[in-house]
């Protein structure tokens, strides 16, 4: 699964969530970090919401439908790595978790 984390430089909440996600080893995912200050549309959409974590939903390769991003609930800044992992686990397809 592919995850996208929207944040910006010097955002302690963004950095904290990124560090926790990067420590997760029991889930198979690719993390892309996007700086909202580099794209006007990202900034307009997320300037008051960061950090925003999205999963990328990829349709069937035979379909003409494009991949879409689904925002996930934001974990508490006090959540442990294990709690963030448990939250993410529920969004993984059964065959993609390990």
PDB file of N, CA and C in Angstrom:
ATOM      1  N   UNK A   1       0.858  -1.179   0.000  1.00  0.00           N
ATOM      2  CA  UNK A   1       0.000   0.000   0.000  1.00  0.00           C
ATOM      3  C   UNK A   1       0.898   1.234   0.000  1.00  0.00           C
ATOM      4  N   UNK A   2       0.375   2.279  -0.573  1.00  0.00           N
ATOM      5  CA  UNK A   2       1.103   3.543  -0.642  1.00  0.00           C
ATOM      6  C   UNK A   2       0.423   4.556   0.262  1.00  0.00           C
ATOM      7  N   UNK A   3       1.224   5.251   1.087  1.00  0.00           N
ATOM      8  CA  UNK A   3       0.736   6.298   1.975  1.00  0.00           C
ATOM      9  C   UNK A   3       1.376   7.615   1.589  1.00  0.00           C
ATOM     10  N   UNK A   4       0.612   8.698   1.737  1.00  0.00           N
ATOM     11  CA  UNK A   4       1.129  10.045   1.487  1.00  0.00           C
ATOM     12  C   UNK A   4       0.909  10.858   2.751  1.00  0.00           C
ATOM     13  N   UNK A   5       1.963  11.493   3.225  1.00  0.00           N
ATOM     14  CA  UNK A   5       1.880  12.359   4.396  1.00  0.00           C
ATOM     15  C   UNK A   5       2.077  13.799   3.940  1.00  0.00           C
ATOM     16  N   UNK A   6       1.053  14.612   4.114  1.00  0.00           N
ATOM     17  CA  UNK A   6       1.141  16.036   3.793  1.00  0.00           C
ATOM     18  C   UNK A   6       1.553  16.784   5.053  1.00  0.00           C
ATOM     19  N   UNK A   7       2.558  17.622   4.910  1.00  0.00           N
ATOM     20  CA  UNK A   7       3.041  18.420   6.033  1.00  0.00           C
ATOM     21  C   UNK A   7       3.807  19.614   5.507  1.00  0.00           C
ATOM     22  N   UNK A   8       4.561  20.241   6.398  1.00  0.00           N
ATOM     23  CA  UNK A   8       5.417  21.347   5.980  1.00  0.00           C
ATOM     24  C   UNK A   8       6.608  21.422   6.918  1.00  0.00           C
ATOM     25  N   UNK A   9       7.669  22.095   6.486  1.00  0.00           N
ATOM     26  CA  UNK A   9       8.861  22.209   7.321  1.00  0.00           C
ATOM     27  C   UNK A   9       8.542  22.866   8.669  1.00  0.00           C
ATOM     28  N   UNK A  10       9.243  22.423   9.689  1.00  0.00           N
ATOM     29  CA  UNK A  10       9.123  22.958  11.048  1.00  0.00           C
ATOM     30  C   UNK A  10       7.760  22.712  11.679  1.00  0.00           C
ATOM     31  N   UNK A  11       7.025  21.736  11.179  1.00  0.00           N
ATOM     32  CA  UNK A  11       5.753  21.327  11.778  1.00  0.00           C
ATOM     33  C   UNK A  11       6.065  20.138  12.683  1.00  0.00           C
ATOM     34  N   UNK A  12       6.043  20.367  13.980  1.00  0.00           N
ATOM     35  CA  UNK A  12       6.425  19.307  14.923  1.00  0.00           C
ATOM     36  C   UNK A  12       5.443  18.140  14.899  1.00  0.00           C
ATOM     37  N   UNK A  13       4.163  18.417  14.683  1.00  0.00           N
ATOM     38  CA  UNK A  13       3.191  17.326  14.582  1.00  0.00           C
ATOM     39  C   UNK A  13       3.472  16.469  13.348  1.00  0.00           C
ATOM     40  N   UNK A  14       3.829  17.133  12.251  1.00  0.00           N
ATOM     41  CA  UNK A  14       4.133  16.411  11.008  1.00  0.00           C
ATOM     42  C   UNK A  14       5.384  15.541  11.193  1.00  0.00           C
ATOM     43  N   UNK A  15       6.416  16.129  11.773  1.00  0.00           N
ATOM     44  CA  UNK A  15       7.662  15.402  11.982  1.00  0.00           C
ATOM     45  C   UNK A  15       7.458  14.223  12.929  1.00  0.00           C
ATOM     46  N   UNK A  16       6.657  14.430  13.976  1.00  0.00           N
ATOM     47  CA  UNK A  16       6.404  13.363  14.928  1.00  0.00           C
ATOM     48  C   UNK A  16       5.672  12.202  14.297  1.00  0.00           C
ATOM     49  N   UNK A  17       4.656  12.486  13.490  1.00  0.00           N
ATOM     50  CA  UNK A  17       3.913  11.419  12.836  1.00  0.00           C
ATOM     51  C   UNK A  17       4.794  10.705  11.818  1.00  0.00           C
ATOM     52  N   UNK A  18       5.590  11.442  11.076  1.00  0.00           N
ATOM     53  CA  UNK A  18       6.490  10.821  10.103  1.00  0.00           C
ATOM     54  C   UNK A  18       7.466   9.874  10.799  1.00  0.00           C
ATOM     55  N   UNK A  19       8.042  10.300  11.913  1.00  0.00           N
ATOM     56  CA  UNK A  19       8.984   9.450  12.644  1.00  0.00           C
ATOM     57  C   UNK A  19       8.317   8.163  13.113  1.00  0.00           C
ATOM     58  N   UNK A  20       7.094   8.272  13.608  1.00  0.00           N
ATOM     59  CA  UNK A  20       6.382   7.069  14.080  1.00  0.00           C
ATOM     60  C   UNK A  20       6.079   6.125  12.925  1.00  0.00           C
ATOM     61  N   UNK A  21       5.612   6.674  11.812  1.00  0.00           N
ATOM     62  CA  UNK A  21       5.290   5.833  10.655  1.00  0.00           C
ATOM     63  C   UNK A  21       6.550   5.134  10.143  1.00  0.00           C
ATOM     64  N   UNK A  22       7.662   5.850  10.115  1.00  0.00           N
ATOM     65  CA  UNK A  22       8.908   5.260   9.619  1.00  0.00           C
ATOM     66  C   UNK A  22       9.435   4.153  10.524  1.00  0.00           C
ATOM     67  N   UNK A  23       9.000   4.110  11.778  1.00  0.00           N
ATOM     68  CA  UNK A  23       9.434   3.063  12.713  1.00  0.00           C
ATOM     69  C   UNK A  23       8.599   1.783  12.593  1.00  0.00           C
ATOM     70  N   UNK A  24       7.490   1.841  11.874  1.00  0.00           N
ATOM     71  CA  UNK A  24       6.625   0.667  11.726  1.00  0.00           C
ATOM     72  C   UNK A  24       7.295  -0.325  10.785  1.00  0.00           C
ATOM     73  N   UNK A  25       7.465  -1.554  11.262  1.00  0.00           N
ATOM     74  CA  UNK A  25       8.149  -2.565  10.458  1.00  0.00           C
ATOM     75  C   UNK A  25       7.252  -3.731  10.075  1.00  0.00           C
ATOM     76  N   UNK A  26       6.100  -3.867  10.694  1.00  0.00           N
ATOM     77  CA  UNK A  26       5.253  -5.037  10.462  1.00  0.00           C
ATOM     78  C   UNK A  26       4.228  -4.844   9.352  1.00  0.00           C
ATOM     79  N   UNK A  27       4.230  -3.696   8.706  1.00  0.00           N
ATOM     80  CA  UNK A  27       3.301  -3.435   7.610  1.00  0.00           C
ATOM     81  C   UNK A  27       4.092  -3.128   6.342  1.00  0.00           C
ATOM     82  N   UNK A  28       3.592  -3.578   5.227  1.00  0.00           N
ATOM     83  CA  UNK A  28       4.255  -3.364   3.946  1.00  0.00           C
ATOM     84  C   UNK A  28       3.644  -2.135   3.268  1.00  0.00           C
ATOM     85  N   UNK A  29       4.362  -1.021   3.287  1.00  0.00           N
ATOM     86  CA  UNK A  29       3.864   0.205   2.676  1.00  0.00           C
ATOM     87  C   UNK A  29       5.013   1.061   2.186  1.00  0.00           C
ATOM     88  N   UNK A  30       4.669   1.971   1.308  1.00  0.00           N
ATOM     89  CA  UNK A  30       5.607   2.973   0.797  1.00  0.00           C
ATOM     90  C   UNK A  30       5.098   4.324   1.289  1.00  0.00           C
ATOM     91  N   UNK A  31       5.963   5.114   1.917  1.00  0.00           N
ATOM     92  CA  UNK A  31       5.572   6.421   2.435  1.00  0.00           C
ATOM     93  C   UNK A  31       6.157   7.518   1.563  1.00  0.00           C
ATOM     94  N   UNK A  32       5.294   8.395   1.090  1.00  0.00           N
ATOM     95  CA  UNK A  32       5.719   9.579   0.347  1.00  0.00           C
ATOM     96  C   UNK A  32       5.378  10.787   1.205  1.00  0.00           C
ATOM     97  N   UNK A  33       6.345  11.651   1.450  1.00  0.00           N
ATOM     98  CA  UNK A  33       6.128  12.858   2.240  1.00  0.00           C
ATOM     99  C   UNK A  33       6.048  14.043   1.284  1.00  0.00           C
ATOM    100  N   UNK A  34       4.958  14.806   1.397  1.00  0.00           N
ATOM    101  CA  UNK A  34       4.757  15.955   0.514  1.00  0.00           C
ATOM    102  C   UNK A  34       4.722  17.235   1.340  1.00  0.00           C
ATOM    103  N   UNK A  35       5.507  18.208   0.909  1.00  0.00           N
ATOM    104  CA  UNK A  35       5.579  19.523   1.539  1.00  0.00           C
ATOM    105  C   UNK A  35       4.504  20.414   0.903  1.00  0.00           C
ATOM    106  N   UNK A  36       3.513  20.792   1.699  1.00  0.00           N
ATOM    107  CA  UNK A  36       2.395  21.571   1.151  1.00  0.00           C
ATOM    108  C   UNK A  36       2.810  22.960   0.685  1.00  0.00           C
ATOM    109  N   UNK A  37       3.980  23.432   1.107  1.00  0.00           N
ATOM    110  CA  UNK A  37       4.411  24.763   0.675  1.00  0.00           C
ATOM    111  C   UNK A  37       4.967  24.756  -0.748  1.00  0.00           C
ATOM    112  N   UNK A  38       5.082  23.579  -1.353  1.00  0.00           N
ATOM    113  CA  UNK A  38       5.628  23.500  -2.712  1.00  0.00           C
ATOM    114  C   UNK A  38       4.545  23.473  -3.790  1.00  0.00           C
ATOM    115  N   UNK A  39       3.284  23.310  -3.414  1.00  0.00           N
ATOM    116  CA  UNK A  39       2.184  23.259  -4.376  1.00  0.00           C
ATOM    117  C   UNK A  39       1.011  24.070  -3.834  1.00  0.00           C
ATOM    118  N   UNK A  40       0.535  25.019  -4.593  1.00  0.00           N
ATOM    119  CA  UNK A  40      -0.554  25.898  -4.139  1.00  0.00           C
ATOM    120  C   UNK A  40      -1.826  25.115  -3.811  1.00  0.00           C
ATOM    121  N   UNK A  41      -2.146  24.089  -4.594  1.00  0.00           N
ATOM    122  CA  UNK A  41      -3.367  23.332  -4.327  1.00  0.00           C
ATOM    123  C   UNK A  41      -3.254  22.510  -3.044  1.00  0.00           C
ATOM    124  N   UNK A  42      -2.076  21.960  -2.761  1.00  0.00           N
ATOM    125  CA  UNK A  42      -1.884  21.241  -1.495  1.00  0.00           C
ATOM    126  C   UNK A  42      -2.008  22.204  -0.322  1.00  0.00           C
ATOM    127  N   UNK A  43      -1.395  23.383  -0.468  1.00  0.00           N
ATOM    128  CA  UNK A  43      -1.428  24.370   0.607  1.00  0.00           C
ATOM    129  C   UNK A  43      -2.859  24.808   0.894  1.00  0.00           C
ATOM    130  N   UNK A  44      -3.617  25.095  -0.167  1.00  0.00           N
ATOM    131  CA  UNK A  44      -5.016  25.519   0.000  1.00  0.00           C
ATOM    132  C   UNK A  44      -5.847  24.427   0.665  1.00  0.00           C
ATOM    133  N   UNK A  45      -5.592  23.190   0.313  1.00  0.00           N
ATOM    134  CA  UNK A  45      -6.393  22.082   0.846  1.00  0.00           C
ATOM    135  C   UNK A  45      -6.032  21.727   2.285  1.00  0.00           C
ATOM    136  N   UNK A  46      -4.757  21.847   2.659  1.00  0.00           N
ATOM    137  CA  UNK A  46      -4.307  21.284   3.934  1.00  0.00           C
ATOM    138  C   UNK A  46      -3.663  22.259   4.911  1.00  0.00           C
ATOM    139  N   UNK A  47      -3.629  23.556   4.595  1.00  0.00           N
ATOM    140  CA  UNK A  47      -2.874  24.485   5.441  1.00  0.00           C
ATOM    141  C   UNK A  47      -3.316  24.483   6.904  1.00  0.00           C
ATOM    142  N   UNK A  48      -4.587  24.203   7.166  1.00  0.00           N
ATOM    143  CA  UNK A  48      -5.086  24.204   8.548  1.00  0.00           C
ATOM    144  C   UNK A  48      -5.298  22.798   9.090  1.00  0.00           C
ATOM    145  N   UNK A  49      -4.922  21.797   8.319  1.00  0.00           N
ATOM    146  CA  UNK A  49      -5.222  20.414   8.692  1.00  0.00           C
ATOM    147  C   UNK A  49      -3.995  19.560   8.975  1.00  0.00           C
ATOM    148  N   UNK A  50      -2.819  19.991   8.600  1.00  0.00           N
ATOM    149  CA  UNK A  50      -1.643  19.136   8.682  1.00  0.00           C
ATOM    150  C   UNK A  50      -1.349  18.710  10.119  1.00  0.00           C
ATOM    151  N   UNK A  51      -0.780  17.525  10.277  1.00  0.00           N
ATOM    152  CA  UNK A  51      -0.434  16.565   9.246  1.00  0.00           C
ATOM    153  C   UNK A  51      -1.663  15.813   8.726  1.00  0.00           C
ATOM    154  N   UNK A  52      -1.654  15.532   7.438  1.00  0.00           N
ATOM    155  CA  UNK A  52      -2.724  14.757   6.806  1.00  0.00           C
ATOM    156  C   UNK A  52      -2.087  13.516   6.194  1.00  0.00           C
ATOM    157  N   UNK A  53      -2.584  12.367   6.607  1.00  0.00           N
ATOM    158  CA  UNK A  53      -2.095  11.093   6.090  1.00  0.00           C
ATOM    159  C   UNK A  53      -3.175  10.498   5.198  1.00  0.00           C
ATOM    160  N   UNK A  54      -2.795  10.140   3.978  1.00  0.00           N
ATOM    161  CA  UNK A  54      -3.739   9.556   3.018  1.00  0.00           C
ATOM    162  C   UNK A  54      -3.208   8.211   2.545  1.00  0.00           C
ATOM    163  N   UNK A  55      -4.132   7.325   2.230  1.00  0.00           N
ATOM    164  CA  UNK A  55      -3.732   6.111   1.540  1.00  0.00           C
ATOM    165  C   UNK A  55      -4.150   6.268   0.086  1.00  0.00           C
ATOM    166  N   UNK A  56      -3.350   5.703  -0.791  1.00  0.00           N
ATOM    167  CA  UNK A  56      -3.643   5.764  -2.215  1.00  0.00           C
ATOM    168  C   UNK A  56      -4.403   4.491  -2.575  1.00  0.00           C
ATOM    169  N   UNK A  57      -5.582   4.684  -3.115  1.00  0.00           N
ATOM    170  CA  UNK A  57      -6.406   3.556  -3.542  1.00  0.00           C
ATOM    171  C   UNK A  57      -6.227   3.407  -5.048  1.00  0.00           C
ATOM    172  N   UNK A  58      -5.640   2.297  -5.432  1.00  0.00           N
ATOM    173  CA  UNK A  58      -5.371   2.035  -6.832  1.00  0.00           C
ATOM    174  C   UNK A  58      -6.432   1.087  -7.363  1.00  0.00           C
ATOM    175  N   UNK A  59      -7.152   1.508  -8.374  1.00  0.00           N
ATOM    176  CA  UNK A  59      -8.183   0.633  -8.937  1.00  0.00           C
ATOM    177  C   UNK A  59      -7.569  -0.527  -9.711  1.00  0.00           C
ATOM    178  N   UNK A  60      -8.402  -1.364 -10.201  1.00  0.00           N
ATOM    179  CA  UNK A  60      -7.993  -2.469 -11.044  1.00  0.00           C
ATOM    180  C   UNK A  60      -7.179  -1.928 -12.218  1.00  0.00           C
ATOM    181  N   UNK A  61      -6.021  -2.537 -12.522  1.00  0.00           N
ATOM    182  CA  UNK A  61      -5.188  -2.033 -13.633  1.00  0.00           C
ATOM    183  C   UNK A  61      -5.906  -2.002 -14.979  1.00  0.00           C
ATOM    184  N   UNK A  62      -6.931  -2.819 -15.130  1.00  0.00           N
ATOM    185  CA  UNK A  62      -7.672  -2.852 -16.394  1.00  0.00           C
ATOM    186  C   UNK A  62      -8.719  -1.741 -16.479  1.00  0.00           C
ATOM    187  N   UNK A  63      -8.877  -0.995 -15.408  1.00  0.00           N
ATOM    188  CA  UNK A  63      -9.900   0.050 -15.355  1.00  0.00           C
ATOM    189  C   UNK A  63      -9.339   1.384 -15.840  1.00  0.00           C
ATOM    190  N   UNK A  64     -10.220   2.249 -16.315  1.00  0.00           N
ATOM    191  CA  UNK A  64      -9.827   3.596 -16.725  1.00  0.00           C
ATOM    192  C   UNK A  64      -9.862   4.573 -15.552  1.00  0.00           C
ATOM    193  N   UNK A  65     -10.275   4.101 -14.391  1.00  0.00           N
ATOM    194  CA  UNK A  65     -10.379   4.956 -13.208  1.00  0.00           C
ATOM    195  C   UNK A  65      -8.982   5.221 -12.656  1.00  0.00           C
ATOM    196  N   UNK A  66      -8.711   6.483 -12.325  1.00  0.00           N
ATOM    197  CA  UNK A  66      -7.413   6.865 -11.782  1.00  0.00           C
ATOM    198  C   UNK A  66      -7.335   6.557 -10.290  1.00  0.00           C
ATOM    199  N   UNK A  67      -6.115   6.438  -9.790  1.00  0.00           N
ATOM    200  CA  UNK A  67      -5.905   6.245  -8.362  1.00  0.00           C
ATOM    201  C   UNK A  67      -6.434   7.464  -7.616  1.00  0.00           C
ATOM    202  N   UNK A  68      -6.925   7.251  -6.386  1.00  0.00           N
ATOM    203  CA  UNK A  68      -7.400   8.376  -5.598  1.00  0.00           C
ATOM    204  C   UNK A  68      -6.828   8.296  -4.198  1.00  0.00           C
ATOM    205  N   UNK A  69      -6.790   9.434  -3.535  1.00  0.00           N
ATOM    206  CA  UNK A  69      -6.280   9.519  -2.171  1.00  0.00           C
ATOM    207  C   UNK A  69      -7.442   9.552  -1.197  1.00  0.00           C
ATOM    208  N   UNK A  70      -7.318   8.758  -0.142  1.00  0.00           N
ATOM    209  CA  UNK A  70      -8.327   8.735   0.911  1.00  0.00           C
ATOM    210  C   UNK A  70      -7.674   9.184   2.221  1.00  0.00           C
ATOM    211  N   UNK A  71      -8.082  10.328   2.763  1.00  0.00           N
ATOM    212  CA  UNK A  71      -7.514  10.760   4.047  1.00  0.00           C
ATOM    213  C   UNK A  71      -7.858   9.759   5.148  1.00  0.00           C
ATOM    214  N   UNK A  72      -6.883   9.502   6.012  1.00  0.00           N
ATOM    215  CA  UNK A  72      -7.076   8.608   7.150  1.00  0.00           C
ATOM    216  C   UNK A  72      -7.234   9.440   8.416  1.00  0.00           C
ATOM    217  N   UNK A  73      -7.857   8.880   9.436  1.00  0.00           N
ATOM    218  CA  UNK A  73      -7.984   9.624  10.694  1.00  0.00           C
ATOM    219  C   UNK A  73      -6.598   9.963  11.252  1.00  0.00           C
ATOM    220  N   UNK A  74      -6.482  11.147  11.806  1.00  0.00           N
ATOM    221  CA  UNK A  74      -5.203  11.575  12.352  1.00  0.00           C
ATOM    222  C   UNK A  74      -5.027  11.000  13.760  1.00  0.00           C
ATOM    223  N   UNK A  75      -3.939  10.266  13.979  1.00  0.00           N
ATOM    224  CA  UNK A  75      -3.708   9.750  15.330  1.00  0.00           C
ATOM    225  C   UNK A  75      -3.309  10.873  16.283  1.00  0.00           C
ATOM    226  N   UNK A  76      -3.563  10.659  17.544  1.00  0.00           N
ATOM    227  CA  UNK A  76      -3.161  11.625  18.559  1.00  0.00           C
ATOM    228  C   UNK A  76      -1.645  11.793  18.533  1.00  0.00           C
ATOM    229  N   UNK A  77      -1.154  13.010  18.773  1.00  0.00           N
ATOM    230  CA  UNK A  77       0.303  13.200  18.863  1.00  0.00           C
ATOM    231  C   UNK A  77       0.924  12.370  19.988  1.00  0.00           C
ATOM    232  N   UNK A  78       0.105  11.973  20.955  1.00  0.00           N
ATOM    233  CA  UNK A  78       0.594  11.156  22.069  1.00  0.00           C
ATOM    234  C   UNK A  78       0.563   9.664  21.765  1.00  0.00           C
ATOM    235  N   UNK A  79       0.038   9.276  20.608  1.00  0.00           N
ATOM    236  CA  UNK A  79      -0.040   7.860  20.247  1.00  0.00           C
ATOM    237  C   UNK A  79       1.360   7.284  20.086  1.00  0.00           C
ATOM    238  N   UNK A  80       1.510   6.057  20.546  1.00  0.00           N
ATOM    239  CA  UNK A  80       2.791   5.358  20.396  1.00  0.00           C
ATOM    240  C   UNK A  80       2.912   4.818  18.971  1.00  0.00           C
ATOM    241  N   UNK A  81       4.093   4.342  18.633  1.00  0.00           N
ATOM    242  CA  UNK A  81       4.308   3.714  17.332  1.00  0.00           C
ATOM    243  C   UNK A  81       3.344   2.538  17.178  1.00  0.00           C
ATOM    244  N   UNK A  82       3.194   1.753  18.239  1.00  0.00           N
ATOM    245  CA  UNK A  82       2.299   0.593  18.186  1.00  0.00           C
ATOM    246  C   UNK A  82       0.852   1.021  17.950  1.00  0.00           C
ATOM    247  N   UNK A  83       0.415   2.104  18.579  1.00  0.00           N
ATOM    248  CA  UNK A  83      -0.951   2.579  18.377  1.00  0.00           C
ATOM    249  C   UNK A  83      -1.161   3.091  16.950  1.00  0.00           C
ATOM    250  N   UNK A  84      -0.174   3.765  16.389  1.00  0.00           N
ATOM    251  CA  UNK A  84      -0.268   4.226  15.003  1.00  0.00           C
ATOM    252  C   UNK A  84      -0.322   3.013  14.070  1.00  0.00           C
ATOM    253  N   UNK A  85       0.494   2.012  14.358  1.00  0.00           N
ATOM    254  CA  UNK A  85       0.477   0.796  13.544  1.00  0.00           C
ATOM    255  C   UNK A  85      -0.886   0.114  13.609  1.00  0.00           C
ATOM    256  N   UNK A  86      -1.466   0.018  14.783  1.00  0.00           N
ATOM    257  CA  UNK A  86      -2.787  -0.608  14.920  1.00  0.00           C
ATOM    258  C   UNK A  86      -3.845   0.166  14.145  1.00  0.00           C
ATOM    259  N   UNK A  87      -3.758   1.486  14.167  1.00  0.00           N
ATOM    260  CA  UNK A  87      -4.704   2.304  13.411  1.00  0.00           C
ATOM    261  C   UNK A  87      -4.546   2.051  11.914  1.00  0.00           C
ATOM    262  N   UNK A  88      -3.303   2.010  11.436  1.00  0.00           N
ATOM    263  CA  UNK A  88      -3.052   1.793  10.015  1.00  0.00           C
ATOM    264  C   UNK A  88      -3.449   0.384   9.570  1.00  0.00           C
ATOM    265  N   UNK A  89      -3.277  -0.590  10.450  1.00  0.00           N
ATOM    266  CA  UNK A  89      -3.555  -1.989  10.112  1.00  0.00           C
ATOM    267  C   UNK A  89      -4.963  -2.174   9.565  1.00  0.00           C
ATOM    268  N   UNK A  90      -5.919  -1.447  10.096  1.00  0.00           N
ATOM    269  CA  UNK A  90      -7.303  -1.631   9.651  1.00  0.00           C
ATOM    270  C   UNK A  90      -7.556  -1.142   8.226  1.00  0.00           C
ATOM    271  N   UNK A  91      -6.625  -0.398   7.655  1.00  0.00           N
ATOM    272  CA  UNK A  91      -6.789   0.102   6.290  1.00  0.00           C
ATOM    273  C   UNK A  91      -6.020  -0.711   5.266  1.00  0.00           C
ATOM    274  N   UNK A  92      -5.298  -1.717   5.730  1.00  0.00           N
ATOM    275  CA  UNK A  92      -4.522  -2.567   4.827  1.00  0.00           C
ATOM    276  C   UNK A  92      -5.366  -3.728   4.342  1.00  0.00           C
ATOM    277  N   UNK A  93      -5.272  -4.033   3.060  1.00  0.00           N
ATOM    278  CA  UNK A  93      -5.896  -5.275   2.588  1.00  0.00           C
ATOM    279  C   UNK A  93      -5.270  -6.454   3.308  1.00  0.00           C
ATOM    280  N   UNK A  94      -6.013  -7.490   3.527  1.00  0.00           N
ATOM    281  CA  UNK A  94      -5.542  -8.648   4.305  1.00  0.00           C
ATOM    282  C   UNK A  94      -4.226  -9.219   3.771  1.00  0.00           C
ATOM    283  N   UNK A  95      -4.055  -9.270   2.457  1.00  0.00           N
ATOM    284  CA  UNK A  95      -2.855  -9.863   1.887  1.00  0.00           C
ATOM    285  C   UNK A  95      -1.701  -8.883   1.769  1.00  0.00           C
ATOM    286  N   UNK A  96      -1.867  -7.640   2.202  1.00  0.00           N
ATOM    287  CA  UNK A  96      -0.845  -6.606   2.040  1.00  0.00           C
ATOM    288  C   UNK A  96      -0.213  -6.212   3.368  1.00  0.00           C
ATOM    289  N   UNK A  97      -0.574  -6.856   4.467  1.00  0.00           N
ATOM    290  CA  UNK A  97      -0.125  -6.392   5.770  1.00  0.00           C
ATOM    291  C   UNK A  97       1.258  -6.905   6.142  1.00  0.00           C
ATOM    292  N   UNK A  98       1.757  -7.944   5.481  1.00  0.00           N
ATOM    293  CA  UNK A  98       3.068  -8.430   5.853  1.00  0.00           C
ATOM    294  C   UNK A  98       3.941  -8.709   4.676  1.00  0.00           C
TER     295      UNK A  98
END
